[in-house]
Amino acid sequence: QVQLVESGGGLVQAGGSLRLSCAASGRLFSRYAVVWFRQAPGKEREFVKAIRWGDGSTYVVGSVKERFTISRDNAKNTVLLQMTSLKPEDTAVYFCAAGDTGLTERQDEYDYWGQGTQVTVSS
């Protein structure tokens, strides 16, 4: 069983940066994928970035490709999401999730979810 806890959210001005952390308790196997999703008010949850726990390979699509970086710290059992050049449209609740799956955008492939952390970007 894996439990995930996100932290690092907050209020930031447009153009600023934040670093989100996803701390895992329980074992993350090397084949596990860990992913960040986000959900803006009134919108569906959308994929942000994913990383393979074992080898650090990543998968990213969309508008955040150049601005957000995903990484992992195996010693701390943590996955990080470094967000730069933030825009008001990045405002959302950010969730991390993990699962024994490929690097995929499909939410139903992930078995373990955190509670989310709020990111608000003011203009």
PDB file of N, CA and C in Angstrom:
ATOM      1  N   GLN A   1       0.841  -1.186   0.000  1.00  0.00           N
ATOM      2  CA  GLN A   1       0.000   0.000   0.000  1.00  0.00           C
ATOM      3  C   GLN A   1       0.879   1.241   0.000  1.00  0.00           C
ATOM      4  N   VAL A   2       0.497   2.217  -0.778  1.00  0.00           N
ATOM      5  CA  VAL A   2       1.252   3.463  -0.893  1.00  0.00           C
ATOM      6  C   VAL A   2       0.338   4.614  -0.504  1.00  0.00           C
ATOM      7  N   GLN A   3       0.855   5.504   0.309  1.00  0.00           N
ATOM      8  CA  GLN A   3       0.133   6.734   0.635  1.00  0.00           C
ATOM      9  C   GLN A   3       0.936   7.912   0.122  1.00  0.00           C
ATOM     10  N   LEU A   4       0.239   8.880  -0.436  1.00  0.00           N
ATOM     11  CA  LEU A   4       0.885  10.036  -1.045  1.00  0.00           C
ATOM     12  C   LEU A   4       0.393  11.312  -0.378  1.00  0.00           C
ATOM     13  N   VAL A   5       1.313  12.208  -0.093  1.00  0.00           N
ATOM     14  CA  VAL A   5       0.962  13.492   0.517  1.00  0.00           C
ATOM     15  C   VAL A   5       1.648  14.597  -0.269  1.00  0.00           C
ATOM     16  N   GLU A   6       0.849  15.505  -0.815  1.00  0.00           N
ATOM     17  CA  GLU A   6       1.385  16.636  -1.563  1.00  0.00           C
ATOM     18  C   GLU A   6       1.608  17.823  -0.628  1.00  0.00           C
ATOM     19  N   SER A   7       2.582  18.642  -0.981  1.00  0.00           N
ATOM     20  CA  SER A   7       2.833  19.884  -0.255  1.00  0.00           C
ATOM     21  C   SER A   7       3.488  20.868  -1.200  1.00  0.00           C
ATOM     22  N   GLY A   8       3.572  22.117  -0.743  1.00  0.00           N
ATOM     23  CA  GLY A   8       4.286  23.129  -1.513  1.00  0.00           C
ATOM     24  C   GLY A   8       3.399  24.099  -2.268  1.00  0.00           C
ATOM     25  N   GLY A   9       2.104  23.871  -2.244  1.00  0.00           N
ATOM     26  CA  GLY A   9       1.212  24.796  -2.930  1.00  0.00           C
ATOM     27  C   GLY A   9       1.120  26.127  -2.207  1.00  0.00           C
ATOM     28  N   GLY A  10       0.468  27.090  -2.835  1.00  0.00           N
ATOM     29  CA  GLY A  10       0.300  28.391  -2.225  1.00  0.00           C
ATOM     30  C   GLY A  10      -0.106  29.425  -3.237  1.00  0.00           C
ATOM     31  N   LEU A  11       0.010  30.678  -2.827  1.00  0.00           N
ATOM     32  CA  LEU A  11      -0.330  31.811  -3.674  1.00  0.00           C
ATOM     33  C   LEU A  11       0.951  32.436  -4.213  1.00  0.00           C
ATOM     34  N   VAL A  12       0.992  32.648  -5.506  1.00  0.00           N
ATOM     35  CA  VAL A  12       2.173  33.224  -6.138  1.00  0.00           C
ATOM     36  C   VAL A  12       1.724  34.170  -7.246  1.00  0.00           C
ATOM     37  N   GLN A  13       2.532  35.169  -7.509  1.00  0.00           N
ATOM     38  CA  GLN A  13       2.217  36.095  -8.601  1.00  0.00           C
ATOM     39  C   GLN A  13       2.591  35.478  -9.945  1.00  0.00           C
ATOM     40  N   ALA A  14       1.926  35.933 -10.975  1.00  0.00           N
ATOM     41  CA  ALA A  14       2.245  35.475 -12.327  1.00  0.00           C
ATOM     42  C   ALA A  14       3.727  35.732 -12.613  1.00  0.00           C
ATOM     43  N   GLY A  15       4.337  34.752 -13.223  1.00  0.00           N
ATOM     44  CA  GLY A  15       5.770  34.825 -13.495  1.00  0.00           C
ATOM     45  C   GLY A  15       6.629  34.199 -12.427  1.00  0.00           C
ATOM     46  N   GLY A  16       6.031  33.882 -11.301  1.00  0.00           N
ATOM     47  CA  GLY A  16       6.770  33.291 -10.198  1.00  0.00           C
ATOM     48  C   GLY A  16       6.928  31.787 -10.327  1.00  0.00           C
ATOM     49  N   SER A  17       7.499  31.202  -9.278  1.00  0.00           N
ATOM     50  CA  SER A  17       7.792  29.770  -9.272  1.00  0.00           C
ATOM     51  C   SER A  17       7.295  29.131  -7.984  1.00  0.00           C
ATOM     52  N   LEU A  18       7.017  27.864  -8.073  1.00  0.00           N
ATOM     53  CA  LEU A  18       6.690  27.042  -6.905  1.00  0.00           C
ATOM     54  C   LEU A  18       7.264  25.652  -7.135  1.00  0.00           C
ATOM     55  N   ARG A  19       7.568  24.975  -6.025  1.00  0.00           N
ATOM     56  CA  ARG A  19       7.980  23.584  -6.121  1.00  0.00           C
ATOM     57  C   ARG A  19       7.044  22.746  -5.277  1.00  0.00           C
ATOM     58  N   LEU A  20       6.370  21.833  -5.924  1.00  0.00           N
ATOM     59  CA  LEU A  20       5.466  20.909  -5.237  1.00  0.00           C
ATOM     60  C   LEU A  20       6.204  19.614  -4.922  1.00  0.00           C
ATOM     61  N   SER A  21       5.858  19.036  -3.783  1.00  0.00           N
ATOM     62  CA  SER A  21       6.427  17.760  -3.378  1.00  0.00           C
ATOM     63  C   SER A  21       5.321  16.737  -3.195  1.00  0.00           C
ATOM     64  N   CYS A  22       5.635  15.518  -3.550  1.00  0.00           N
ATOM     65  CA  CYS A  22       4.737  14.390  -3.338  1.00  0.00           C
ATOM     66  C   CYS A  22       5.534  13.350  -2.559  1.00  0.00           C
ATOM     67  N   ALA A  23       5.231  13.246  -1.271  1.00  0.00           N
ATOM     68  CA  ALA A  23       5.947  12.320  -0.412  1.00  0.00           C
ATOM     69  C   ALA A  23       5.184  11.010  -0.322  1.00  0.00           C
ATOM     70  N   ALA A  24       5.898   9.932  -0.561  1.00  0.00           N
ATOM     71  CA  ALA A  24       5.268   8.610  -0.551  1.00  0.00           C
ATOM     72  C   ALA A  24       5.687   7.826   0.677  1.00  0.00           C
ATOM     73  N   SER A  25       4.697   7.217   1.311  1.00  0.00           N
ATOM     74  CA  SER A  25       4.989   6.234   2.356  1.00  0.00           C
ATOM     75  C   SER A  25       4.607   4.876   1.801  1.00  0.00           C
ATOM     76  N   GLY A  26       5.419   3.884   2.117  1.00  0.00           N
ATOM     77  CA  GLY A  26       5.242   2.602   1.460  1.00  0.00           C
ATOM     78  C   GLY A  26       6.194   2.517   0.288  1.00  0.00           C
ATOM     79  N   ARG A  27       6.316   1.337  -0.236  1.00  0.00           N
ATOM     80  CA  ARG A  27       7.330   1.127  -1.259  1.00  0.00           C
ATOM     81  C   ARG A  27       6.834   1.503  -2.652  1.00  0.00           C
ATOM     82  N   LEU A  28       7.669   2.302  -3.320  1.00  0.00           N
ATOM     83  CA  LEU A  28       7.444   2.581  -4.730  1.00  0.00           C
ATOM     84  C   LEU A  28       8.373   1.669  -5.527  1.00  0.00           C
ATOM     85  N   PHE A  29       7.812   0.737  -6.231  1.00  0.00           N
ATOM     86  CA  PHE A  29       8.632  -0.169  -7.015  1.00  0.00           C
ATOM     87  C   PHE A  29       9.181   0.548  -8.240  1.00  0.00           C
ATOM     88  N   SER A  30      10.312   0.055  -8.730  1.00  0.00           N
ATOM     89  CA  SER A  30      10.993   0.748  -9.816  1.00  0.00           C
ATOM     90  C   SER A  30      10.108   0.885 -11.051  1.00  0.00           C
ATOM     91  N   ARG A  31       9.209  -0.030 -11.258  1.00  0.00           N
ATOM     92  CA  ARG A  31       8.352   0.039 -12.445  1.00  0.00           C
ATOM     93  C   ARG A  31       7.173   0.998 -12.281  1.00  0.00           C
ATOM     94  N   TYR A  32       6.973   1.512 -11.068  1.00  0.00           N
ATOM     95  CA  TYR A  32       5.842   2.399 -10.826  1.00  0.00           C
ATOM     96  C   TYR A  32       6.010   3.714 -11.595  1.00  0.00           C
ATOM     97  N   ALA A  33       4.887   4.224 -12.034  1.00  0.00           N
ATOM     98  CA  ALA A  33       4.819   5.580 -12.559  1.00  0.00           C
ATOM     99  C   ALA A  33       4.210   6.484 -11.491  1.00  0.00           C
ATOM    100  N   VAL A  34       4.781   7.649 -11.360  1.00  0.00           N
ATOM    101  CA  VAL A  34       4.245   8.677 -10.462  1.00  0.00           C
ATOM    102  C   VAL A  34       3.915   9.886 -11.322  1.00  0.00           C
ATOM    103  N   VAL A  35       2.767  10.433 -11.106  1.00  0.00           N
ATOM    104  CA  VAL A  35       2.253  11.445 -12.029  1.00  0.00           C
ATOM    105  C   VAL A  35       1.664  12.629 -11.267  1.00  0.00           C
ATOM    106  N   TRP A  36       1.692  13.777 -11.904  1.00  0.00           N
ATOM    107  CA  TRP A  36       0.984  14.945 -11.406  1.00  0.00           C
ATOM    108  C   TRP A  36      -0.194  15.236 -12.351  1.00  0.00           C
ATOM    109  N   PHE A  37      -1.351  15.421 -11.743  1.00  0.00           N
ATOM    110  CA  PHE A  37      -2.529  15.914 -12.434  1.00  0.00           C
ATOM    111  C   PHE A  37      -2.909  17.240 -11.796  1.00  0.00           C
ATOM    112  N   ARG A  38      -3.759  17.987 -12.471  1.00  0.00           N
ATOM    113  CA  ARG A  38      -4.291  19.201 -11.855  1.00  0.00           C
ATOM    114  C   ARG A  38      -5.752  19.375 -12.267  1.00  0.00           C
ATOM    115  N   GLN A  39      -6.479  20.066 -11.402  1.00  0.00           N
ATOM    116  CA  GLN A  39      -7.884  20.320 -11.670  1.00  0.00           C
ATOM    117  C   GLN A  39      -8.204  21.764 -11.325  1.00  0.00           C
ATOM    118  N   ALA A  40      -8.534  22.522 -12.339  1.00  0.00           N
ATOM    119  CA  ALA A  40      -8.925  23.912 -12.163  1.00  0.00           C
ATOM    120  C   ALA A  40     -10.412  23.987 -11.842  1.00  0.00           C
ATOM    121  N   PRO A  41     -10.840  25.068 -11.228  1.00  0.00           N
ATOM    122  CA  PRO A  41     -12.268  25.206 -10.887  1.00  0.00           C
ATOM    123  C   PRO A  41     -13.155  25.051 -12.119  1.00  0.00           C
ATOM    124  N   GLY A  42     -14.137  24.188 -12.009  1.00  0.00           N
ATOM    125  CA  GLY A  42     -15.087  24.005 -13.090  1.00  0.00           C
ATOM    126  C   GLY A  42     -14.578  23.211 -14.275  1.00  0.00           C
ATOM    127  N   LYS A  43     -13.376  22.661 -14.158  1.00  0.00           N
ATOM    128  CA  LYS A  43     -12.798  21.920 -15.279  1.00  0.00           C
ATOM    129  C   LYS A  43     -12.480  20.491 -14.856  1.00  0.00           C
ATOM    130  N   GLU A  44     -12.263  19.656 -15.862  1.00  0.00           N
ATOM    131  CA  GLU A  44     -11.879  18.291 -15.574  1.00  0.00           C
ATOM    132  C   GLU A  44     -10.413  18.211 -15.166  1.00  0.00           C
ATOM    133  N   ARG A  45     -10.113  17.160 -14.446  1.00  0.00           N
ATOM    134  CA  ARG A  45      -8.729  16.927 -14.060  1.00  0.00           C
ATOM    135  C   ARG A  45      -7.894  16.634 -15.291  1.00  0.00           C
ATOM    136  N   GLU A  46      -6.716  17.225 -15.358  1.00  0.00           N
ATOM    137  CA  GLU A  46      -5.879  17.029 -16.539  1.00  0.00           C
ATOM    138  C   GLU A  46      -4.470  16.595 -16.145  1.00  0.00           C
ATOM    139  N   PHE A  47      -3.864  15.864 -17.032  1.00  0.00           N
ATOM    140  CA  PHE A  47      -2.516  15.351 -16.844  1.00  0.00           C
ATOM    141  C   PHE A  47      -1.500  16.477 -16.939  1.00  0.00           C
ATOM    142  N   VAL A  48      -0.472  16.406 -16.099  1.00  0.00           N
ATOM    143  CA  VAL A  48       0.608  17.388 -16.137  1.00  0.00           C
ATOM    144  C   VAL A  48       1.913  16.715 -16.575  1.00  0.00           C
ATOM    145  N   LYS A  49       2.449  15.857 -15.739  1.00  0.00           N
ATOM    146  CA  LYS A  49       3.704  15.167 -16.057  1.00  0.00           C
ATOM    147  C   LYS A  49       3.779  13.863 -15.288  1.00  0.00           C
ATOM    148  N   ALA A  50       4.530  12.928 -15.857  1.00  0.00           N
ATOM    149  CA  ALA A  50       4.720  11.635 -15.207  1.00  0.00           C
ATOM    150  C   ALA A  50       6.188  11.253 -15.214  1.00  0.00           C
ATOM    151  N   ILE A  51       6.570  10.440 -14.246  1.00  0.00           N
ATOM    152  CA  ILE A  51       7.952   9.976 -14.142  1.00  0.00           C
ATOM    153  C   ILE A  51       7.970   8.516 -13.712  1.00  0.00           C
ATOM    154  N   ARG A  52       8.904   7.761 -14.291  1.00  0.00           N
ATOM    155  CA  ARG A  52       9.107   6.379 -13.886  1.00  0.00           C
ATOM    156  C   ARG A  52      10.006   6.384 -12.659  1.00  0.00           C
ATOM    157  N   TRP A  53       9.541   5.739 -11.574  1.00  0.00           N
ATOM    158  CA  TRP A  53      10.274   5.788 -10.321  1.00  0.00           C
ATOM    159  C   TRP A  53      11.671   5.188 -10.467  1.00  0.00           C
ATOM    160  N   GLY A  54      11.786   4.112 -11.208  1.00  0.00           N
ATOM    161  CA  GLY A  54      13.064   3.403 -11.275  1.00  0.00           C
ATOM    162  C   GLY A  54      14.133   4.152 -12.046  1.00  0.00           C
ATOM    163  N   ASP A  55      13.856   4.533 -13.273  1.00  0.00           N
ATOM    164  CA  ASP A  55      14.914   5.100 -14.119  1.00  0.00           C
ATOM    165  C   ASP A  55      14.761   6.588 -14.369  1.00  0.00           C
ATOM    166  N   GLY A  56      13.701   7.182 -13.848  1.00  0.00           N
ATOM    167  CA  GLY A  56      13.545   8.623 -13.974  1.00  0.00           C
ATOM    168  C   GLY A  56      13.072   9.098 -15.335  1.00  0.00           C
ATOM    169  N   SER A  57      12.711   8.193 -16.220  1.00  0.00           N
ATOM    170  CA  SER A  57      12.196   8.632 -17.515  1.00  0.00           C
ATOM    171  C   SER A  57      10.882   9.369 -17.311  1.00  0.00           C
ATOM    172  N   THR A  58      10.642  10.334 -18.169  1.00  0.00           N
ATOM    173  CA  THR A  58       9.491  11.202 -17.975  1.00  0.00           C
ATOM    174  C   THR A  58       8.606  11.246 -19.207  1.00  0.00           C
ATOM    175  N   TYR A  59       7.410  11.718 -18.984  1.00  0.00           N
ATOM    176  CA  TYR A  59       6.429  11.876 -20.055  1.00  0.00           C
ATOM    177  C   TYR A  59       5.679  13.172 -19.788  1.00  0.00           C
ATOM    178  N   VAL A  60       5.597  13.981 -20.819  1.00  0.00           N
ATOM    179  CA  VAL A  60       4.936  15.264 -20.655  1.00  0.00           C
ATOM    180  C   VAL A  60       4.261  15.635 -21.957  1.00  0.00           C
ATOM    181  N   VAL A  61       3.145  16.296 -21.834  1.00  0.00           N
ATOM    182  CA  VAL A  61       2.436  16.799 -22.997  1.00  0.00           C
ATOM    183  C   VAL A  61       1.934  18.190 -22.679  1.00  0.00           C
ATOM    184  N   GLY A  62       1.617  18.925 -23.712  1.00  0.00           N
ATOM    185  CA  GLY A  62       0.862  20.142 -23.523  1.00  0.00           C
ATOM    186  C   GLY A  62       1.665  21.373 -23.179  1.00  0.00           C
ATOM    187  N   SER A  63       0.922  22.340 -22.656  1.00  0.00           N
ATOM    188  CA  SER A  63       1.440  23.687 -22.514  1.00  0.00           C
ATOM    189  C   SER A  63       2.481  23.833 -21.422  1.00  0.00           C
ATOM    190  N   VAL A  64       2.566  22.890 -20.514  1.00  0.00           N
ATOM    191  CA  VAL A  64       3.508  23.054 -19.409  1.00  0.00           C
ATOM    192  C   VAL A  64       4.856  22.424 -19.703  1.00  0.00           C
ATOM    193  N   LYS A  65       5.019  21.870 -20.879  1.00  0.00           N
ATOM    194  CA  LYS A  65       6.219  21.091 -21.197  1.00  0.00           C
ATOM    195  C   LYS A  65       7.501  21.847 -20.888  1.00  0.00           C
ATOM    196  N   GLU A  66       7.548  23.109 -21.255  1.00  0.00           N
ATOM    197  CA  GLU A  66       8.783  23.880 -21.104  1.00  0.00           C
ATOM    198  C   GLU A  66       8.890  24.533 -19.734  1.00  0.00           C
ATOM    199  N   ARG A  67       7.800  24.659 -19.023  1.00  0.00           N
ATOM    200  CA  ARG A  67       7.809  25.444 -17.781  1.00  0.00           C
ATOM    201  C   ARG A  67       7.866  24.585 -16.521  1.00  0.00           C
ATOM    202  N   PHE A  68       7.418  23.355 -16.622  1.00  0.00           N
ATOM    203  CA  PHE A  68       7.365  22.476 -15.439  1.00  0.00           C
ATOM    204  C   PHE A  68       8.373  21.341 -15.608  1.00  0.00           C
ATOM    205  N   THR A  69       9.018  20.996 -14.517  1.00  0.00           N
ATOM    206  CA  THR A  69       9.986  19.902 -14.525  1.00  0.00           C
ATOM    207  C   THR A  69       9.630  18.919 -13.427  1.00  0.00           C
ATOM    208  N   ILE A  70       9.603  17.647 -13.761  1.00  0.00           N
ATOM    209  CA  ILE A  70       9.334  16.612 -12.778  1.00  0.00           C
ATOM    210  C   ILE A  70      10.629  15.863 -12.487  1.00  0.00           C
ATOM    211  N   SER A  71      10.827  15.536 -11.220  1.00  0.00           N
ATOM    212  CA  SER A  71      12.028  14.790 -10.826  1.00  0.00           C
ATOM    213  C   SER A  71      11.687  13.945  -9.607  1.00  0.00           C
ATOM    214  N   ARG A  72      12.616  13.068  -9.249  1.00  0.00           N
ATOM    215  CA  ARG A  72      12.380  12.262  -8.051  1.00  0.00           C
ATOM    216  C   ARG A  72      13.620  12.208  -7.197  1.00  0.00           C
ATOM    217  N   ASP A  73      13.382  12.062  -5.904  1.00  0.00           N
ATOM    218  CA  ASP A  73      14.454  11.909  -4.934  1.00  0.00           C
ATOM    219  C   ASP A  73      14.225  10.554  -4.278  1.00  0.00           C
ATOM    220  N   ASN A  74      14.966   9.557  -4.753  1.00  0.00           N
ATOM    221  CA  ASN A  74      14.729   8.200  -4.271  1.00  0.00           C
ATOM    222  C   ASN A  74      15.006   8.078  -2.775  1.00  0.00           C
ATOM    223  N   ALA A  75      16.007   8.790  -2.302  1.00  0.00           N
ATOM    224  CA  ALA A  75      16.374   8.688  -0.885  1.00  0.00           C
ATOM    225  C   ALA A  75      15.255   9.195   0.012  1.00  0.00           C
ATOM    226  N   LYS A  76      14.529  10.195  -0.467  1.00  0.00           N
ATOM    227  CA  LYS A  76      13.453  10.783   0.340  1.00  0.00           C
ATOM    228  C   LYS A  76      12.078  10.258  -0.058  1.00  0.00           C
ATOM    229  N   ASN A  77      12.048   9.340  -1.020  1.00  0.00           N
ATOM    230  CA  ASN A  77      10.770   8.787  -1.494  1.00  0.00           C
ATOM    231  C   ASN A  77       9.810   9.902  -1.911  1.00  0.00           C
ATOM    232  N   THR A  78      10.340  10.840  -2.676  1.00  0.00           N
ATOM    233  CA  THR A  78       9.583  12.035  -3.015  1.00  0.00           C
ATOM    234  C   THR A  78       9.689  12.322  -4.504  1.00  0.00           C
ATOM    235  N   VAL A  79       8.575  12.783  -5.075  1.00  0.00           N
ATOM    236  CA  VAL A  79       8.566  13.279  -6.448  1.00  0.00           C
ATOM    237  C   VAL A  79       8.283  14.772  -6.396  1.00  0.00           C
ATOM    238  N   LEU A  80       9.055  15.511  -7.155  1.00  0.00           N
ATOM    239  CA  LEU A  80       8.961  16.967  -7.152  1.00  0.00           C
ATOM    240  C   LEU A  80       8.407  17.470  -8.474  1.00  0.00           C
ATOM    241  N   LEU A  81       7.694  18.585  -8.408  1.00  0.00           N
ATOM    242  CA  LEU A  81       7.250  19.282  -9.609  1.00  0.00           C
ATOM    243  C   LEU A  81       7.683  20.729  -9.477  1.00  0.00           C
ATOM    244  N   GLN A  82       8.702  21.079 -10.219  1.00  0.00           N
ATOM    245  CA  GLN A  82       9.193  22.456 -10.232  1.00  0.00           C
ATOM    246  C   GLN A  82       8.431  23.221 -11.297  1.00  0.00           C
ATOM    247  N   MET A  83       7.758  24.286 -10.880  1.00  0.00           N
ATOM    248  CA  MET A  83       6.931  25.068 -11.794  1.00  0.00           C
ATOM    249  C   MET A  83       7.498  26.476 -11.898  1.00  0.00           C
ATOM    250  N   THR A  84       7.749  26.907 -13.097  1.00  0.00           N
ATOM    251  CA  THR A  84       8.295  28.235 -13.330  1.00  0.00           C
ATOM    252  C   THR A  84       7.403  29.016 -14.288  1.00  0.00           C
ATOM    253  N   SER A  85       7.644  30.318 -14.354  1.00  0.00           N
ATOM    254  CA  SER A  85       6.871  31.189 -15.254  1.00  0.00           C
ATOM    255  C   SER A  85       5.380  30.916 -15.124  1.00  0.00           C
ATOM    256  N   LEU A  86       4.919  30.876 -13.896  1.00  0.00           N
ATOM    257  CA  LEU A  86       3.522  30.514 -13.651  1.00  0.00           C
ATOM    258  C   LEU A  86       2.568  31.551 -14.218  1.00  0.00           C
ATOM    259  N   LYS A  87       1.424  31.047 -14.670  1.00  0.00           N
ATOM    260  CA  LYS A  87       0.392  31.881 -15.262  1.00  0.00           C
ATOM    261  C   LYS A  87      -0.904  31.712 -14.484  1.00  0.00           C
ATOM    262  N   PRO A  88      -1.789  32.680 -14.543  1.00  0.00           N
ATOM    263  CA  PRO A  88      -3.078  32.527 -13.839  1.00  0.00           C
ATOM    264  C   PRO A  88      -3.816  31.248 -14.242  1.00  0.00           C
ATOM    265  N   GLU A  89      -3.648  30.820 -15.465  1.00  0.00           N
ATOM    266  CA  GLU A  89      -4.336  29.600 -15.901  1.00  0.00           C
ATOM    267  C   GLU A  89      -3.738  28.331 -15.313  1.00  0.00           C
ATOM    268  N   ASP A  90      -2.635  28.458 -14.603  1.00  0.00           N
ATOM    269  CA  ASP A  90      -2.068  27.309 -13.880  1.00  0.00           C
ATOM    270  C   ASP A  90      -2.756  27.102 -12.533  1.00  0.00           C
ATOM    271  N   THR A  91      -3.625  28.040 -12.157  1.00  0.00           N
ATOM    272  CA  THR A  91      -4.344  27.915 -10.903  1.00  0.00           C
ATOM    273  C   THR A  91      -5.190  26.646 -10.900  1.00  0.00           C
ATOM    274  N   ALA A  92      -4.971  25.808  -9.894  1.00  0.00           N
ATOM    275  CA  ALA A  92      -5.649  24.510  -9.826  1.00  0.00           C
ATOM    276  C   ALA A  92      -5.267  23.819  -8.528  1.00  0.00           C
ATOM    277  N   VAL A  93      -5.976  22.746  -8.241  1.00  0.00           N
ATOM    278  CA  VAL A  93      -5.518  21.808  -7.221  1.00  0.00           C
ATOM    279  C   VAL A  93      -4.651  20.780  -7.932  1.00  0.00           C
ATOM    280  N   TYR A  94      -3.456  20.586  -7.404  1.00  0.00           N
ATOM    281  CA  TYR A  94      -2.495  19.669  -8.012  1.00  0.00           C
ATOM    282  C   TYR A  94      -2.462  18.381  -7.195  1.00  0.00           C
ATOM    283  N   PHE A  95      -2.631  17.265  -7.897  1.00  0.00           N
ATOM    284  CA  PHE A  95      -2.669  15.946  -7.277  1.00  0.00           C
ATOM    285  C   PHE A  95      -1.494  15.117  -7.775  1.00  0.00           C
ATOM    286  N   CYS A  96      -0.917  14.330  -6.890  1.00  0.00           N
ATOM    287  CA  CYS A  96      -0.008  13.309  -7.372  1.00  0.00           C
ATOM    288  C   CYS A  96      -0.673  11.945  -7.228  1.00  0.00           C
ATOM    289  N   ALA A  97      -0.251  11.043  -8.080  1.00  0.00           N
ATOM    290  CA  ALA A  97      -0.811   9.699  -8.092  1.00  0.00           C
ATOM    291  C   ALA A  97       0.295   8.730  -8.487  1.00  0.00           C
ATOM    292  N   ALA A  98       0.113   7.472  -8.161  1.00  0.00           N
ATOM    293  CA  ALA A  98       1.117   6.460  -8.476  1.00  0.00           C
ATOM    294  C   ALA A  98       0.431   5.153  -8.836  1.00  0.00           C
ATOM    295  N   GLY A  99       1.123   4.370  -9.640  1.00  0.00           N
ATOM    296  CA  GLY A  99       0.554   3.077  -9.999  1.00  0.00           C
ATOM    297  C   GLY A  99       1.534   2.221 -10.748  1.00  0.00           C
ATOM    298  N   ASP A 100       1.231   0.959 -10.797  1.00  0.00           N
ATOM    299  CA  ASP A 100       2.035  -0.016 -11.525  1.00  0.00           C
ATOM    300  C   ASP A 100       1.555   0.002 -12.970  1.00  0.00           C
ATOM    301  N   THR A 101       2.046   0.984 -13.706  1.00  0.00           N
ATOM    302  CA  THR A 101       1.530   1.228 -15.041  1.00  0.00           C
ATOM    303  C   THR A 101       2.590   1.903 -15.888  1.00  0.00           C
ATOM    304  N   GLY A 102       2.289   2.054 -17.163  1.00  0.00           N
ATOM    305  CA  GLY A 102       3.169   2.828 -18.014  1.00  0.00           C
ATOM    306  C   GLY A 102       2.994   4.312 -17.756  1.00  0.00           C
ATOM    307  N   LEU A 103       3.826   5.113 -18.401  1.00  0.00           N
ATOM    308  CA  LEU A 103       3.722   6.560 -18.276  1.00  0.00           C
ATOM    309  C   LEU A 103       2.532   7.003 -19.128  1.00  0.00           C
ATOM    310  N   THR A 104       1.402   7.164 -18.480  1.00  0.00           N
ATOM    311  CA  THR A 104       0.163   7.381 -19.187  1.00  0.00           C
ATOM    312  C   THR A 104      -0.615   8.540 -18.602  1.00  0.00           C
ATOM    313  N   GLU A 105      -1.453   9.126 -19.459  1.00  0.00           N
ATOM    314  CA  GLU A 105      -2.341  10.198 -19.023  1.00  0.00           C
ATOM    315  C   GLU A 105      -3.641   9.659 -18.438  1.00  0.00           C
ATOM    316  N   ARG A 106      -3.867   8.378 -18.566  1.00  0.00           N
ATOM    317  CA  ARG A 106      -5.130   7.788 -18.126  1.00  0.00           C
ATOM    318  C   ARG A 106      -5.202   7.728 -16.612  1.00  0.00           C
ATOM    319  N   GLN A 107      -6.147   8.430 -16.048  1.00  0.00           N
ATOM    320  CA  GLN A 107      -6.268   8.523 -14.596  1.00  0.00           C
ATOM    321  C   GLN A 107      -6.630   7.181 -13.971  1.00  0.00           C
ATOM    322  N   ASP A 108      -7.386   6.365 -14.696  1.00  0.00           N
ATOM    323  CA  ASP A 108      -7.808   5.092 -14.113  1.00  0.00           C
ATOM    324  C   ASP A 108      -6.682   4.069 -14.028  1.00  0.00           C
ATOM    325  N   GLU A 109      -5.504   4.418 -14.545  1.00  0.00           N
ATOM    326  CA  GLU A 109      -4.355   3.526 -14.445  1.00  0.00           C
ATOM    327  C   GLU A 109      -3.611   3.683 -13.130  1.00  0.00           C
ATOM    328  N   TYR A 110      -3.968   4.716 -12.370  1.00  0.00           N
ATOM    329  CA  TYR A 110      -3.235   5.022 -11.140  1.00  0.00           C
ATOM    330  C   TYR A 110      -4.060   4.601  -9.925  1.00  0.00           C
ATOM    331  N   ASP A 111      -3.426   3.816  -9.062  1.00  0.00           N
ATOM    332  CA  ASP A 111      -4.135   3.223  -7.928  1.00  0.00           C
ATOM    333  C   ASP A 111      -4.103   4.089  -6.672  1.00  0.00           C
ATOM    334  N   TYR A 112      -3.080   4.890  -6.547  1.00  0.00           N
ATOM    335  CA  TYR A 112      -2.860   5.635  -5.303  1.00  0.00           C
ATOM    336  C   TYR A 112      -2.886   7.124  -5.603  1.00  0.00           C
ATOM    337  N   TRP A 113      -3.601   7.856  -4.761  1.00  0.00           N
ATOM    338  CA  TRP A 113      -3.781   9.295  -4.983  1.00  0.00           C
ATOM    339  C   TRP A 113      -3.577  10.059  -3.683  1.00  0.00           C
ATOM    340  N   GLY A 114      -3.000  11.249  -3.817  1.00  0.00           N
ATOM    341  CA  GLY A 114      -2.940  12.156  -2.692  1.00  0.00           C
ATOM    342  C   GLY A 114      -4.190  13.014  -2.625  1.00  0.00           C
ATOM    343  N   GLN A 115      -4.238  13.877  -1.621  1.00  0.00           N
ATOM    344  CA  GLN A 115      -5.411  14.724  -1.391  1.00  0.00           C
ATOM    345  C   GLN A 115      -5.352  16.025  -2.193  1.00  0.00           C
ATOM    346  N   GLY A 116      -4.203  16.362  -2.693  1.00  0.00           N
ATOM    347  CA  GLY A 116      -4.077  17.567  -3.506  1.00  0.00           C
ATOM    348  C   GLY A 116      -3.533  18.749  -2.735  1.00  0.00           C
ATOM    349  N   THR A 117      -2.928  19.663  -3.463  1.00  0.00           N
ATOM    350  CA  THR A 117      -2.443  20.914  -2.891  1.00  0.00           C
ATOM    351  C   THR A 117      -2.848  22.050  -3.818  1.00  0.00           C
ATOM    352  N   GLN A 118      -3.331  23.136  -3.228  1.00  0.00           N
ATOM    353  CA  GLN A 118      -3.856  24.256  -4.015  1.00  0.00           C
ATOM    354  C   GLN A 118      -2.726  25.162  -4.487  1.00  0.00           C
ATOM    355  N   VAL A 119      -2.754  25.475  -5.767  1.00  0.00           N
ATOM    356  CA  VAL A 119      -1.851  26.470  -6.341  1.00  0.00           C
ATOM    357  C   VAL A 119      -2.706  27.583  -6.927  1.00  0.00           C
ATOM    358  N   THR A 120      -2.440  28.802  -6.487  1.00  0.00           N
ATOM    359  CA  THR A 120      -3.171  29.952  -6.986  1.00  0.00           C
ATOM    360  C   THR A 120      -2.177  30.960  -7.536  1.00  0.00           C
ATOM    361  N   VAL A 121      -2.372  31.344  -8.788  1.00  0.00           N
ATOM    362  CA  VAL A 121      -1.487  32.295  -9.446  1.00  0.00           C
ATOM    363  C   VAL A 121      -2.276  33.569  -9.712  1.00  0.00           C
ATOM    364  N   SER A 122      -1.835  34.650  -9.130  1.00  0.00           N
ATOM    365  CA  SER A 122      -2.529  35.928  -9.298  1.00  0.00           C
ATOM    366  C   SER A 122      -1.915  36.708 -10.454  1.00  0.00           C
ATOM    367  N   SER A 123      -2.757  37.480 -11.109  1.00  0.00           N
ATOM    368  CA  SER A 123      -2.279  38.253 -12.269  1.00  0.00           C
ATOM    369  C   SER A 123      -1.776  39.613 -11.866  1.00  0.00           C
TER     370      SER A 123
END
